[in-house]
Amino acid sequence: MLFGDKDIYKRCYAFALRIVNAYKFLNSEKNERVMSKQLLRCGTSVGALLCEAKFAQSRADFVNKVSVALKEANESLYWINLLHDSGYIATVAYDSVCREANEITSILASIVKNTKENTLKYDSQ
């Protein structure tokens, strides 16, 4: 498997479930629809993009798909921060989901970096 951390799929799936639950809460309890919809879109797409990357047609395609997943994870952090700072998400929930989003972002960045480095090593041989 190309991912060193095989649990990244499970983590991204669990993260997406948390985002779906946050979206439902923000809609029903806080009557917030705009920012929560943005969070739903980017937060659930991270894992979907990783699933696409599993069947990439080339290393370049793989790097592209994981890079887009990384961008979506980073965008999720933006919306999580904005929802917290505007009072829609409590600090306890924020701390947990923000920590997970940061860890996923770091793992994805590492996957992109390592794959690019390995591709350069492979191509130069």
PDB file of N, CA and C in Angstrom:
ATOM      1  N   MET A   1       0.846  -1.181   0.000  1.00  0.00           N
ATOM      2  CA  MET A   1       0.000   0.000   0.000  1.00  0.00           C
ATOM      3  C   MET A   1       0.890   1.243   0.000  1.00  0.00           C
ATOM      4  N   LEU A   2       0.477   2.254  -0.722  1.00  0.00           N
ATOM      5  CA  LEU A   2       1.288   3.460  -0.850  1.00  0.00           C
ATOM      6  C   LEU A   2       1.259   4.332   0.396  1.00  0.00           C
ATOM      7  N   PHE A   3       0.249   4.194   1.223  1.00  0.00           N
ATOM      8  CA  PHE A   3       0.176   4.986   2.434  1.00  0.00           C
ATOM      9  C   PHE A   3       0.917   4.283   3.550  1.00  0.00           C
ATOM     10  N   GLY A   4       1.837   5.003   4.194  1.00  0.00           N
ATOM     11  CA  GLY A   4       2.546   4.450   5.330  1.00  0.00           C
ATOM     12  C   GLY A   4       1.623   4.264   6.517  1.00  0.00           C
ATOM     13  N   ASP A   5       0.681   5.164   6.683  1.00  0.00           N
ATOM     14  CA  ASP A   5      -0.269   5.102   7.786  1.00  0.00           C
ATOM     15  C   ASP A   5      -1.587   4.564   7.243  1.00  0.00           C
ATOM     16  N   LYS A   6      -1.781   3.238   7.354  1.00  0.00           N
ATOM     17  CA  LYS A   6      -2.965   2.603   6.787  1.00  0.00           C
ATOM     18  C   LYS A   6      -4.254   3.075   7.457  1.00  0.00           C
ATOM     19  N   ASP A   7      -4.133   3.593   8.657  1.00  0.00           N
ATOM     20  CA  ASP A   7      -5.312   4.053   9.373  1.00  0.00           C
ATOM     21  C   ASP A   7      -5.840   5.382   8.847  1.00  0.00           C
ATOM     22  N   ILE A   8      -5.149   5.997   7.917  1.00  0.00           N
ATOM     23  CA  ILE A   8      -5.594   7.292   7.409  1.00  0.00           C
ATOM     24  C   ILE A   8      -6.980   7.188   6.767  1.00  0.00           C
ATOM     25  N   TYR A   9      -7.270   6.064   6.129  1.00  0.00           N
ATOM     26  CA  TYR A   9      -8.605   5.874   5.552  1.00  0.00           C
ATOM     27  C   TYR A   9      -9.668   5.870   6.642  1.00  0.00           C
ATOM     28  N   LYS A  10      -9.412   5.102   7.687  1.00  0.00           N
ATOM     29  CA  LYS A  10     -10.363   5.025   8.802  1.00  0.00           C
ATOM     30  C   LYS A  10     -10.504   6.372   9.492  1.00  0.00           C
ATOM     31  N   ARG A  11      -9.390   7.048   9.663  1.00  0.00           N
ATOM     32  CA  ARG A  11      -9.429   8.349  10.320  1.00  0.00           C
ATOM     33  C   ARG A  11     -10.216   9.364   9.503  1.00  0.00           C
ATOM     34  N   CYS A  12     -10.014   9.352   8.195  1.00  0.00           N
ATOM     35  CA  CYS A  12     -10.749  10.291   7.336  1.00  0.00           C
ATOM     36  C   CYS A  12     -12.235   9.964   7.305  1.00  0.00           C
ATOM     37  N   TYR A  13     -12.563   8.681   7.340  1.00  0.00           N
ATOM     38  CA  TYR A  13     -13.969   8.274   7.371  1.00  0.00           C
ATOM     39  C   TYR A  13     -14.613   8.719   8.688  1.00  0.00           C
ATOM     40  N   ALA A  14     -13.918   8.468   9.808  1.00  0.00           N
ATOM     41  CA  ALA A  14     -14.428   8.888  11.116  1.00  0.00           C
ATOM     42  C   ALA A  14     -14.552  10.405  11.185  1.00  0.00           C
ATOM     43  N   PHE A  15     -13.588  11.106  10.595  1.00  0.00           N
ATOM     44  CA  PHE A  15     -13.646  12.564  10.542  1.00  0.00           C
ATOM     45  C   PHE A  15     -14.876  13.016   9.757  1.00  0.00           C
ATOM     46  N   ALA A  16     -15.128  12.373   8.629  1.00  0.00           N
ATOM     47  CA  ALA A  16     -16.309  12.717   7.818  1.00  0.00           C
ATOM     48  C   ALA A  16     -17.593  12.500   8.611  1.00  0.00           C
ATOM     49  N   LEU A  17     -17.658  11.408   9.361  1.00  0.00           N
ATOM     50  CA  LEU A  17     -18.844  11.162  10.192  1.00  0.00           C
ATOM     51  C   LEU A  17     -19.023  12.266  11.235  1.00  0.00           C
ATOM     52  N   ARG A  18     -17.922  12.695  11.822  1.00  0.00           N
ATOM     53  CA  ARG A  18     -18.002  13.792  12.795  1.00  0.00           C
ATOM     54  C   ARG A  18     -18.502  15.073  12.128  1.00  0.00           C
ATOM     55  N   ILE A  19     -18.045  15.303  10.917  1.00  0.00           N
ATOM     56  CA  ILE A  19     -18.467  16.501  10.186  1.00  0.00           C
ATOM     57  C   ILE A  19     -19.960  16.428   9.853  1.00  0.00           C
ATOM     58  N   VAL A  20     -20.425  15.249   9.445  1.00  0.00           N
ATOM     59  CA  VAL A  20     -21.858  15.072   9.160  1.00  0.00           C
ATOM     60  C   VAL A  20     -22.672  15.345  10.426  1.00  0.00           C
ATOM     61  N   ASN A  21     -22.230  14.813  11.546  1.00  0.00           N
ATOM     62  CA  ASN A  21     -22.945  15.046  12.805  1.00  0.00           C
ATOM     63  C   ASN A  21     -22.899  16.513  13.216  1.00  0.00           C
ATOM     64  N   ALA A  22     -21.772  17.159  12.993  1.00  0.00           N
ATOM     65  CA  ALA A  22     -21.670  18.589  13.287  1.00  0.00           C
ATOM     66  C   ALA A  22     -22.623  19.382  12.406  1.00  0.00           C
ATOM     67  N   TYR A  23     -22.687  18.995  11.138  1.00  0.00           N
ATOM     68  CA  TYR A  23     -23.601  19.664  10.205  1.00  0.00           C
ATOM     69  C   TYR A  23     -25.054  19.532  10.678  1.00  0.00           C
ATOM     70  N   LYS A  24     -25.428  18.320  11.063  1.00  0.00           N
ATOM     71  CA  LYS A  24     -26.809  18.103  11.545  1.00  0.00           C
ATOM     72  C   LYS A  24     -27.086  18.937  12.792  1.00  0.00           C
ATOM     73  N   PHE A  25     -26.127  18.964  13.718  1.00  0.00           N
ATOM     74  CA  PHE A  25     -26.275  19.761  14.935  1.00  0.00           C
ATOM     75  C   PHE A  25     -26.390  21.250  14.612  1.00  0.00           C
ATOM     76  N   LEU A  26     -25.486  21.747  13.775  1.00  0.00           N
ATOM     77  CA  LEU A  26     -25.484  23.173  13.454  1.00  0.00           C
ATOM     78  C   LEU A  26     -26.775  23.592  12.752  1.00  0.00           C
ATOM     79  N   ASN A  27     -27.325  22.706  11.938  1.00  0.00           N
ATOM     80  CA  ASN A  27     -28.577  23.023  11.254  1.00  0.00           C
ATOM     81  C   ASN A  27     -29.761  23.000  12.204  1.00  0.00           C
ATOM     82  N   SER A  28     -29.865  21.939  12.999  1.00  0.00           N
ATOM     83  CA  SER A  28     -31.056  21.781  13.839  1.00  0.00           C
ATOM     84  C   SER A  28     -31.001  22.606  15.121  1.00  0.00           C
ATOM     85  N   GLU A  29     -29.854  22.658  15.779  1.00  0.00           N
ATOM     86  CA  GLU A  29     -29.762  23.329  17.078  1.00  0.00           C
ATOM     87  C   GLU A  29     -29.355  24.801  16.979  1.00  0.00           C
ATOM     88  N   LYS A  30     -28.517  25.132  16.040  1.00  0.00           N
ATOM     89  CA  LYS A  30     -27.989  26.492  15.932  1.00  0.00           C
ATOM     90  C   LYS A  30     -28.577  27.268  14.758  1.00  0.00           C
ATOM     91  N   ASN A  31     -29.363  26.585  13.932  1.00  0.00           N
ATOM     92  CA  ASN A  31     -29.982  27.209  12.763  1.00  0.00           C
ATOM     93  C   ASN A  31     -28.949  27.884  11.852  1.00  0.00           C
ATOM     94  N   GLU A  32     -27.776  27.256  11.756  1.00  0.00           N
ATOM     95  CA  GLU A  32     -26.692  27.779  10.919  1.00  0.00           C
ATOM     96  C   GLU A  32     -26.572  26.890   9.692  1.00  0.00           C
ATOM     97  N   ARG A  33     -26.679  27.490   8.501  1.00  0.00           N
ATOM     98  CA  ARG A  33     -26.706  26.687   7.294  1.00  0.00           C
ATOM     99  C   ARG A  33     -25.563  26.952   6.312  1.00  0.00           C
ATOM    100  N   VAL A  34     -25.063  28.138   6.257  1.00  0.00           N
ATOM    101  CA  VAL A  34     -24.092  28.504   5.229  1.00  0.00           C
ATOM    102  C   VAL A  34     -22.699  27.941   5.538  1.00  0.00           C
ATOM    103  N   MET A  35     -22.151  28.297   6.688  1.00  0.00           N
ATOM    104  CA  MET A  35     -20.814  27.823   7.040  1.00  0.00           C
ATOM    105  C   MET A  35     -20.795  26.308   7.252  1.00  0.00           C
ATOM    106  N   SER A  36     -21.861  25.784   7.844  1.00  0.00           N
ATOM    107  CA  SER A  36     -21.908  24.338   8.095  1.00  0.00           C
ATOM    108  C   SER A  36     -21.965  23.552   6.788  1.00  0.00           C
ATOM    109  N   LYS A  37     -22.615  24.087   5.779  1.00  0.00           N
ATOM    110  CA  LYS A  37     -22.661  23.424   4.469  1.00  0.00           C
ATOM    111  C   LYS A  37     -21.268  23.410   3.835  1.00  0.00           C
ATOM    112  N   GLN A  38     -20.546  24.505   3.976  1.00  0.00           N
ATOM    113  CA  GLN A  38     -19.169  24.563   3.463  1.00  0.00           C
ATOM    114  C   GLN A  38     -18.302  23.517   4.162  1.00  0.00           C
ATOM    115  N   LEU A  39     -18.447  23.417   5.483  1.00  0.00           N
ATOM    116  CA  LEU A  39     -17.696  22.427   6.251  1.00  0.00           C
ATOM    117  C   LEU A  39     -18.079  21.015   5.828  1.00  0.00           C
ATOM    118  N   LEU A  40     -19.353  20.782   5.606  1.00  0.00           N
ATOM    119  CA  LEU A  40     -19.809  19.460   5.170  1.00  0.00           C
ATOM    120  C   LEU A  40     -19.165  19.074   3.846  1.00  0.00           C
ATOM    121  N   ARG A  41     -19.133  19.992   2.911  1.00  0.00           N
ATOM    122  CA  ARG A  41     -18.568  19.694   1.587  1.00  0.00           C
ATOM    123  C   ARG A  41     -17.087  19.334   1.661  1.00  0.00           C
ATOM    124  N   CYS A  42     -16.305  20.181   2.323  1.00  0.00           N
ATOM    125  CA  CYS A  42     -14.857  19.920   2.334  1.00  0.00           C
ATOM    126  C   CYS A  42     -14.485  18.816   3.315  1.00  0.00           C
ATOM    127  N   GLY A  43     -15.162  18.748   4.450  1.00  0.00           N
ATOM    128  CA  GLY A  43     -14.822  17.748   5.458  1.00  0.00           C
ATOM    129  C   GLY A  43     -15.112  16.321   5.030  1.00  0.00           C
ATOM    130  N   THR A  44     -16.148  16.140   4.221  1.00  0.00           N
ATOM    131  CA  THR A  44     -16.476  14.789   3.756  1.00  0.00           C
ATOM    132  C   THR A  44     -15.718  14.412   2.484  1.00  0.00           C
ATOM    133  N   SER A  45     -15.178  15.393   1.801  1.00  0.00           N
ATOM    134  CA  SER A  45     -14.478  15.083   0.548  1.00  0.00           C
ATOM    135  C   SER A  45     -13.062  14.561   0.774  1.00  0.00           C
ATOM    136  N   VAL A  46     -12.501  14.781   1.951  1.00  0.00           N
ATOM    137  CA  VAL A  46     -11.124  14.338   2.230  1.00  0.00           C
ATOM    138  C   VAL A  46     -11.012  12.832   2.029  1.00  0.00           C
ATOM    139  N   GLY A  47     -11.855  12.077   2.697  1.00  0.00           N
ATOM    140  CA  GLY A  47     -11.819  10.624   2.583  1.00  0.00           C
ATOM    141  C   GLY A  47     -12.189  10.138   1.191  1.00  0.00           C
ATOM    142  N   ALA A  48     -13.134  10.800   0.555  1.00  0.00           N
ATOM    143  CA  ALA A  48     -13.541  10.408  -0.799  1.00  0.00           C
ATOM    144  C   ALA A  48     -12.377  10.564  -1.772  1.00  0.00           C
ATOM    145  N   LEU A  49     -11.621  11.624  -1.625  1.00  0.00           N
ATOM    146  CA  LEU A  49     -10.461  11.836  -2.492  1.00  0.00           C
ATOM    147  C   LEU A  49      -9.372  10.796  -2.232  1.00  0.00           C
ATOM    148  N   LEU A  50      -9.217  10.385  -0.985  1.00  0.00           N
ATOM    149  CA  LEU A  50      -8.251   9.322  -0.689  1.00  0.00           C
ATOM    150  C   LEU A  50      -8.673   8.003  -1.330  1.00  0.00           C
ATOM    151  N   CYS A  51      -9.967   7.733  -1.331  1.00  0.00           N
ATOM    152  CA  CYS A  51     -10.459   6.523  -2.004  1.00  0.00           C
ATOM    153  C   CYS A  51     -10.166   6.588  -3.496  1.00  0.00           C
ATOM    154  N   GLU A  52     -10.320   7.746  -4.083  1.00  0.00           N
ATOM    155  CA  GLU A  52      -9.966   7.917  -5.500  1.00  0.00           C
ATOM    156  C   GLU A  52      -8.475   7.688  -5.709  1.00  0.00           C
ATOM    157  N   ALA A  53      -7.661   8.170  -4.783  1.00  0.00           N
ATOM    158  CA  ALA A  53      -6.213   8.054  -4.914  1.00  0.00           C
ATOM    159  C   ALA A  53      -5.761   6.594  -4.913  1.00  0.00           C
ATOM    160  N   LYS A  54      -6.502   5.736  -4.246  1.00  0.00           N
ATOM    161  CA  LYS A  54      -6.136   4.311  -4.216  1.00  0.00           C
ATOM    162  C   LYS A  54      -6.069   3.725  -5.617  1.00  0.00           C
ATOM    163  N   PHE A  55      -6.872   4.246  -6.507  1.00  0.00           N
ATOM    164  CA  PHE A  55      -6.934   3.724  -7.875  1.00  0.00           C
ATOM    165  C   PHE A  55      -6.427   4.743  -8.888  1.00  0.00           C
ATOM    166  N   ALA A  56      -5.471   5.538  -8.461  1.00  0.00           N
ATOM    167  CA  ALA A  56      -4.878   6.535  -9.361  1.00  0.00           C
ATOM    168  C   ALA A  56      -4.232   5.848 -10.551  1.00  0.00           C
ATOM    169  N   GLN A  57      -4.227   6.529 -11.666  1.00  0.00           N
ATOM    170  CA  GLN A  57      -3.686   5.965 -12.901  1.00  0.00           C
ATOM    171  C   GLN A  57      -2.169   6.085 -12.981  1.00  0.00           C
ATOM    172  N   SER A  58      -1.589   6.928 -12.153  1.00  0.00           N
ATOM    173  CA  SER A  58      -0.138   7.121 -12.143  1.00  0.00           C
ATOM    174  C   SER A  58       0.246   7.728 -10.805  1.00  0.00           C
ATOM    175  N   ARG A  59       1.566   7.814 -10.575  1.00  0.00           N
ATOM    176  CA  ARG A  59       2.032   8.481  -9.346  1.00  0.00           C
ATOM    177  C   ARG A  59       1.622   9.952  -9.352  1.00  0.00           C
ATOM    178  N   ALA A  60       1.693  10.580 -10.514  1.00  0.00           N
ATOM    179  CA  ALA A  60       1.313  11.989 -10.614  1.00  0.00           C
ATOM    180  C   ALA A  60      -0.173  12.167 -10.288  1.00  0.00           C
ATOM    181  N   ASP A  61      -1.004  11.261 -10.767  1.00  0.00           N
ATOM    182  CA  ASP A  61      -2.433  11.294 -10.470  1.00  0.00           C
ATOM    183  C   ASP A  61      -2.667  11.073  -8.975  1.00  0.00           C
ATOM    184  N   PHE A  62      -1.910  10.142  -8.396  1.00  0.00           N
ATOM    185  CA  PHE A  62      -1.997   9.868  -6.963  1.00  0.00           C
ATOM    186  C   PHE A  62      -1.652  11.120  -6.158  1.00  0.00           C
ATOM    187  N   VAL A  63      -0.530  11.740  -6.492  1.00  0.00           N
ATOM    188  CA  VAL A  63      -0.101  12.951  -5.786  1.00  0.00           C
ATOM    189  C   VAL A  63      -1.152  14.042  -5.938  1.00  0.00           C
ATOM    190  N   ASN A  64      -1.711  14.173  -7.121  1.00  0.00           N
ATOM    191  CA  ASN A  64      -2.733  15.189  -7.353  1.00  0.00           C
ATOM    192  C   ASN A  64      -3.957  14.959  -6.464  1.00  0.00           C
ATOM    193  N   LYS A  65      -4.439  13.730  -6.412  1.00  0.00           N
ATOM    194  CA  LYS A  65      -5.637  13.438  -5.618  1.00  0.00           C
ATOM    195  C   LYS A  65      -5.387  13.626  -4.122  1.00  0.00           C
ATOM    196  N   VAL A  66      -4.236  13.178  -3.638  1.00  0.00           N
ATOM    197  CA  VAL A  66      -3.919  13.366  -2.225  1.00  0.00           C
ATOM    198  C   VAL A  66      -3.695  14.850  -1.927  1.00  0.00           C
ATOM    199  N   SER A  67      -3.122  15.583  -2.862  1.00  0.00           N
ATOM    200  CA  SER A  67      -2.929  17.023  -2.688  1.00  0.00           C
ATOM    201  C   SER A  67      -4.265  17.750  -2.583  1.00  0.00           C
ATOM    202  N   VAL A  68      -5.225  17.330  -3.378  1.00  0.00           N
ATOM    203  CA  VAL A  68      -6.557  17.945  -3.296  1.00  0.00           C
ATOM    204  C   VAL A  68      -7.207  17.584  -1.958  1.00  0.00           C
ATOM    205  N   ALA A  69      -7.022  16.346  -1.499  1.00  0.00           N
ATOM    206  CA  ALA A  69      -7.533  15.943  -0.183  1.00  0.00           C
ATOM    207  C   ALA A  69      -6.904  16.811   0.909  1.00  0.00           C
ATOM    208  N   LEU A  70      -5.619  17.082   0.777  1.00  0.00           N
ATOM    209  CA  LEU A  70      -4.909  17.952   1.723  1.00  0.00           C
ATOM    210  C   LEU A  70      -5.514  19.354   1.726  1.00  0.00           C
ATOM    211  N   LYS A  71      -5.787  19.885   0.547  1.00  0.00           N
ATOM    212  CA  LYS A  71      -6.406  21.209   0.455  1.00  0.00           C
ATOM    213  C   LYS A  71      -7.780  21.229   1.109  1.00  0.00           C
ATOM    214  N   GLU A  72      -8.541  20.160   0.916  1.00  0.00           N
ATOM    215  CA  GLU A  72      -9.880  20.078   1.525  1.00  0.00           C
ATOM    216  C   GLU A  72      -9.785  19.964   3.047  1.00  0.00           C
ATOM    217  N   ALA A  73      -8.802  19.213   3.535  1.00  0.00           N
ATOM    218  CA  ALA A  73      -8.602  19.105   4.985  1.00  0.00           C
ATOM    219  C   ALA A  73      -8.227  20.469   5.571  1.00  0.00           C
ATOM    220  N   ASN A  74      -7.381  21.190   4.856  1.00  0.00           N
ATOM    221  CA  ASN A  74      -6.990  22.522   5.299  1.00  0.00           C
ATOM    222  C   ASN A  74      -8.184  23.483   5.275  1.00  0.00           C
ATOM    223  N   GLU A  75      -9.011  23.377   4.249  1.00  0.00           N
ATOM    224  CA  GLU A  75     -10.216  24.224   4.206  1.00  0.00           C
ATOM    225  C   GLU A  75     -11.152  23.886   5.353  1.00  0.00           C
ATOM    226  N   SER A  76     -11.233  22.608   5.696  1.00  0.00           N
ATOM    227  CA  SER A  76     -12.061  22.197   6.844  1.00  0.00           C
ATOM    228  C   SER A  76     -11.612  22.921   8.109  1.00  0.00           C
ATOM    229  N   LEU A  77     -10.298  23.018   8.282  1.00  0.00           N
ATOM    230  CA  LEU A  77      -9.770  23.741   9.449  1.00  0.00           C
ATOM    231  C   LEU A  77     -10.237  25.191   9.467  1.00  0.00           C
ATOM    232  N   TYR A  78     -10.267  25.806   8.306  1.00  0.00           N
ATOM    233  CA  TYR A  78     -10.736  27.195   8.215  1.00  0.00           C
ATOM    234  C   TYR A  78     -12.168  27.310   8.733  1.00  0.00           C
ATOM    235  N   TRP A  79     -13.055  26.442   8.232  1.00  0.00           N
ATOM    236  CA  TRP A  79     -14.457  26.516   8.627  1.00  0.00           C
ATOM    237  C   TRP A  79     -14.654  26.129  10.085  1.00  0.00           C
ATOM    238  N   ILE A  80     -13.886  25.164  10.569  1.00  0.00           N
ATOM    239  CA  ILE A  80     -13.963  24.782  11.986  1.00  0.00           C
ATOM    240  C   ILE A  80     -13.567  25.974  12.863  1.00  0.00           C
ATOM    241  N   ASN A  81     -12.488  26.639  12.502  1.00  0.00           N
ATOM    242  CA  ASN A  81     -12.049  27.813  13.263  1.00  0.00           C
ATOM    243  C   ASN A  81     -13.081  28.932  13.214  1.00  0.00           C
ATOM    244  N   LEU A  82     -13.613  29.180  12.035  1.00  0.00           N
ATOM    245  CA  LEU A  82     -14.601  30.245  11.894  1.00  0.00           C
ATOM    246  C   LEU A  82     -15.872  29.943  12.694  1.00  0.00           C
ATOM    247  N   LEU A  83     -16.325  28.704  12.630  1.00  0.00           N
ATOM    248  CA  LEU A  83     -17.521  28.315  13.394  1.00  0.00           C
ATOM    249  C   LEU A  83     -17.272  28.430  14.894  1.00  0.00           C
ATOM    250  N   HIS A  84     -16.081  28.086  15.333  1.00  0.00           N
ATOM    251  CA  HIS A  84     -15.752  28.218  16.757  1.00  0.00           C
ATOM    252  C   HIS A  84     -15.666  29.690  17.162  1.00  0.00           C
ATOM    253  N   ASP A  85     -14.910  30.451  16.391  1.00  0.00           N
ATOM    254  CA  ASP A  85     -14.702  31.855  16.748  1.00  0.00           C
ATOM    255  C   ASP A  85     -15.973  32.690  16.663  1.00  0.00           C
ATOM    256  N   SER A  86     -16.945  32.235  15.892  1.00  0.00           N
ATOM    257  CA  SER A  86     -18.216  32.957  15.805  1.00  0.00           C
ATOM    258  C   SER A  86     -19.250  32.416  16.793  1.00  0.00           C
ATOM    259  N   GLY A  87     -18.833  31.469  17.634  1.00  0.00           N
ATOM    260  CA  GLY A  87     -19.699  31.003  18.715  1.00  0.00           C
ATOM    261  C   GLY A  87     -20.611  29.844  18.393  1.00  0.00           C
ATOM    262  N   TYR A  88     -20.481  29.231  17.240  1.00  0.00           N
ATOM    263  CA  TYR A  88     -21.345  28.116  16.878  1.00  0.00           C
ATOM    264  C   TYR A  88     -20.859  26.761  17.416  1.00  0.00           C
ATOM    265  N   ILE A  89     -19.557  26.630  17.637  1.00  0.00           N
ATOM    266  CA  ILE A  89     -18.999  25.375  18.140  1.00  0.00           C
ATOM    267  C   ILE A  89     -18.350  25.645  19.491  1.00  0.00           C
ATOM    268  N   ALA A  90     -18.706  24.837  20.489  1.00  0.00           N
ATOM    269  CA  ALA A  90     -18.139  24.964  21.833  1.00  0.00           C
ATOM    270  C   ALA A  90     -16.663  24.581  21.817  1.00  0.00           C
ATOM    271  N   THR A  91     -15.916  25.116  22.757  1.00  0.00           N
ATOM    272  CA  THR A  91     -14.473  24.909  22.806  1.00  0.00           C
ATOM    273  C   THR A  91     -14.101  23.439  22.966  1.00  0.00           C
ATOM    274  N   VAL A  92     -14.816  22.681  23.759  1.00  0.00           N
ATOM    275  CA  VAL A  92     -14.494  21.261  23.967  1.00  0.00           C
ATOM    276  C   VAL A  92     -14.605  20.495  22.649  1.00  0.00           C
ATOM    277  N   ALA A  93     -15.692  20.683  21.929  1.00  0.00           N
ATOM    278  CA  ALA A  93     -15.866  20.014  20.634  1.00  0.00           C
ATOM    279  C   ALA A  93     -14.846  20.532  19.629  1.00  0.00           C
ATOM    280  N   TYR A  94     -14.616  21.823  19.663  1.00  0.00           N
ATOM    281  CA  TYR A  94     -13.645  22.440  18.755  1.00  0.00           C
ATOM    282  C   TYR A  94     -12.258  21.848  18.943  1.00  0.00           C
ATOM    283  N   ASP A  95     -11.812  21.761  20.183  1.00  0.00           N
ATOM    284  CA  ASP A  95     -10.465  21.247  20.463  1.00  0.00           C
ATOM    285  C   ASP A  95     -10.270  19.854  19.871  1.00  0.00           C
ATOM    286  N   SER A  96     -11.248  19.016  20.033  1.00  0.00           N
ATOM    287  CA  SER A  96     -11.153  17.636  19.554  1.00  0.00           C
ATOM    288  C   SER A  96     -11.142  17.553  18.032  1.00  0.00           C
ATOM    289  N   VAL A  97     -12.092  18.195  17.388  1.00  0.00           N
ATOM    290  CA  VAL A  97     -12.197  18.105  15.927  1.00  0.00           C
ATOM    291  C   VAL A  97     -11.062  18.869  15.249  1.00  0.00           C
ATOM    292  N   CYS A  98     -10.633  19.951  15.852  1.00  0.00           N
ATOM    293  CA  CYS A  98      -9.522  20.719  15.288  1.00  0.00           C
ATOM    294  C   CYS A  98      -8.223  19.921  15.379  1.00  0.00           C
ATOM    295  N   ARG A  99      -8.007  19.250  16.485  1.00  0.00           N
ATOM    296  CA  ARG A  99      -6.816  18.413  16.644  1.00  0.00           C
ATOM    297  C   ARG A  99      -6.797  17.311  15.582  1.00  0.00           C
ATOM    298  N   GLU A 100      -7.937  16.671  15.378  1.00  0.00           N
ATOM    299  CA  GLU A 100      -8.012  15.599  14.376  1.00  0.00           C
ATOM    300  C   GLU A 100      -7.784  16.146  12.969  1.00  0.00           C
ATOM    301  N   ALA A 101      -8.374  17.283  12.657  1.00  0.00           N
ATOM    302  CA  ALA A 101      -8.176  17.887  11.338  1.00  0.00           C
ATOM    303  C   ALA A 101      -6.711  18.257  11.126  1.00  0.00           C
ATOM    304  N   ASN A 102      -6.064  18.773  12.151  1.00  0.00           N
ATOM    305  CA  ASN A 102      -4.640  19.103  12.050  1.00  0.00           C
ATOM    306  C   ASN A 102      -3.790  17.857  11.837  1.00  0.00           C
ATOM    307  N   GLU A 103      -4.104  16.780  12.545  1.00  0.00           N
ATOM    308  CA  GLU A 103      -3.342  15.543  12.385  1.00  0.00           C
ATOM    309  C   GLU A 103      -3.535  14.951  10.994  1.00  0.00           C
ATOM    310  N   ILE A 104      -4.765  14.951  10.496  1.00  0.00           N
ATOM    311  CA  ILE A 104      -5.032  14.449   9.147  1.00  0.00           C
ATOM    312  C   ILE A 104      -4.283  15.295   8.124  1.00  0.00           C
ATOM    313  N   THR A 105      -4.308  16.608   8.302  1.00  0.00           N
ATOM    314  CA  THR A 105      -3.595  17.504   7.393  1.00  0.00           C
ATOM    315  C   THR A 105      -2.100  17.193   7.389  1.00  0.00           C
ATOM    316  N   SER A 106      -1.535  16.962   8.557  1.00  0.00           N
ATOM    317  CA  SER A 106      -0.102  16.635   8.651  1.00  0.00           C
ATOM    318  C   SER A 106       0.217  15.315   7.967  1.00  0.00           C
ATOM    319  N   ILE A 107      -0.626  14.319   8.157  1.00  0.00           N
ATOM    320  CA  ILE A 107      -0.403  13.014   7.532  1.00  0.00           C
ATOM    321  C   ILE A 107      -0.475  13.136   6.014  1.00  0.00           C
ATOM    322  N   LEU A 108      -1.476  13.843   5.525  1.00  0.00           N
ATOM    323  CA  LEU A 108      -1.623  14.005   4.077  1.00  0.00           C
ATOM    324  C   LEU A 108      -0.450  14.778   3.485  1.00  0.00           C
ATOM    325  N   ALA A 109       0.003  15.806   4.180  1.00  0.00           N
ATOM    326  CA  ALA A 109       1.160  16.569   3.707  1.00  0.00           C
ATOM    327  C   ALA A 109       2.389  15.667   3.636  1.00  0.00           C
ATOM    328  N   SER A 110       2.531  14.799   4.613  1.00  0.00           N
ATOM    329  CA  SER A 110       3.657  13.860   4.625  1.00  0.00           C
ATOM    330  C   SER A 110       3.562  12.865   3.474  1.00  0.00           C
ATOM    331  N   ILE A 111       2.359  12.385   3.194  1.00  0.00           N
ATOM    332  CA  ILE A 111       2.167  11.447   2.083  1.00  0.00           C
ATOM    333  C   ILE A 111       2.552  12.112   0.766  1.00  0.00           C
ATOM    334  N   VAL A 112       2.099  13.339   0.560  1.00  0.00           N
ATOM    335  CA  VAL A 112       2.422  14.065  -0.675  1.00  0.00           C
ATOM    336  C   VAL A 112       3.927  14.269  -0.781  1.00  0.00           C
ATOM    337  N   LYS A 113       4.546  14.744   0.285  1.00  0.00           N
ATOM    338  CA  LYS A 113       5.986  15.012   0.283  1.00  0.00           C
ATOM    339  C   LYS A 113       6.783  13.739   0.016  1.00  0.00           C
ATOM    340  N   ASN A 114       6.472  12.665   0.737  1.00  0.00           N
ATOM    341  CA  ASN A 114       7.215  11.411   0.575  1.00  0.00           C
ATOM    342  C   ASN A 114       7.020  10.798  -0.806  1.00  0.00           C
ATOM    343  N   THR A 115       5.816  10.877  -1.318  1.00  0.00           N
ATOM    344  CA  THR A 115       5.562  10.328  -2.645  1.00  0.00           C
ATOM    345  C   THR A 115       6.338  11.103  -3.701  1.00  0.00           C
ATOM    346  N   LYS A 116       6.352  12.415  -3.580  1.00  0.00           N
ATOM    347  CA  LYS A 116       7.119  13.232  -4.524  1.00  0.00           C
ATOM    348  C   LYS A 116       8.609  12.901  -4.433  1.00  0.00           C
ATOM    349  N   GLU A 117       9.127  12.793  -3.216  1.00  0.00           N
ATOM    350  CA  GLU A 117      10.544  12.461  -3.043  1.00  0.00           C
ATOM    351  C   GLU A 117      10.863  11.076  -3.603  1.00  0.00           C
ATOM    352  N   ASN A 118       9.999  10.104  -3.342  1.00  0.00           N
ATOM    353  CA  ASN A 118      10.223   8.750  -3.850  1.00  0.00           C
ATOM    354  C   ASN A 118      10.124   8.705  -5.373  1.00  0.00           C
ATOM    355  N   THR A 119       9.261   9.502  -5.934  1.00  0.00           N
ATOM    356  CA  THR A 119       9.133   9.569  -7.387  1.00  0.00           C
ATOM    357  C   THR A 119      10.408  10.127  -7.998  1.00  0.00           C
ATOM    358  N   LEU A 120      10.969  11.164  -7.363  1.00  0.00           N
ATOM    359  CA  LEU A 120      12.222  11.735  -7.865  1.00  0.00           C
ATOM    360  C   LEU A 120      13.353  10.723  -7.775  1.00  0.00           C
ATOM    361  N   LYS A 121      13.429   9.967  -6.682  1.00  0.00           N
ATOM    362  CA  LYS A 121      14.466   8.943  -6.525  1.00  0.00           C
ATOM    363  C   LYS A 121      14.301   7.846  -7.573  1.00  0.00           C
ATOM    364  N   TYR A 122      13.062   7.426  -7.781  1.00  0.00           N
ATOM    365  CA  TYR A 122      12.764   6.368  -8.731  1.00  0.00           C
ATOM    366  C   TYR A 122      13.095   6.804 -10.157  1.00  0.00           C
ATOM    367  N   ASP A 123      12.715   8.052 -10.476  1.00  0.00           N
ATOM    368  CA  ASP A 123      12.950   8.572 -11.837  1.00  0.00           C
ATOM    369  C   ASP A 123      14.433   8.788 -12.138  1.00  0.00           C
ATOM    370  N   SER A 124      15.230   9.052 -11.101  1.00  0.00           N
ATOM    371  CA  SER A 124      16.648   9.326 -11.323  1.00  0.00           C
ATOM    372  C   SER A 124      17.497   8.067 -11.403  1.00  0.00           C
ATOM    373  N   GLN A 125      16.901   6.918 -11.157  1.00  0.00           N
ATOM    374  CA  GLN A 125      17.674   5.664 -11.214  1.00  0.00           C
ATOM    375  C   GLN A 125      17.776   5.111 -12.611  1.00  0.00           C
TER     376      GLN A 125
END
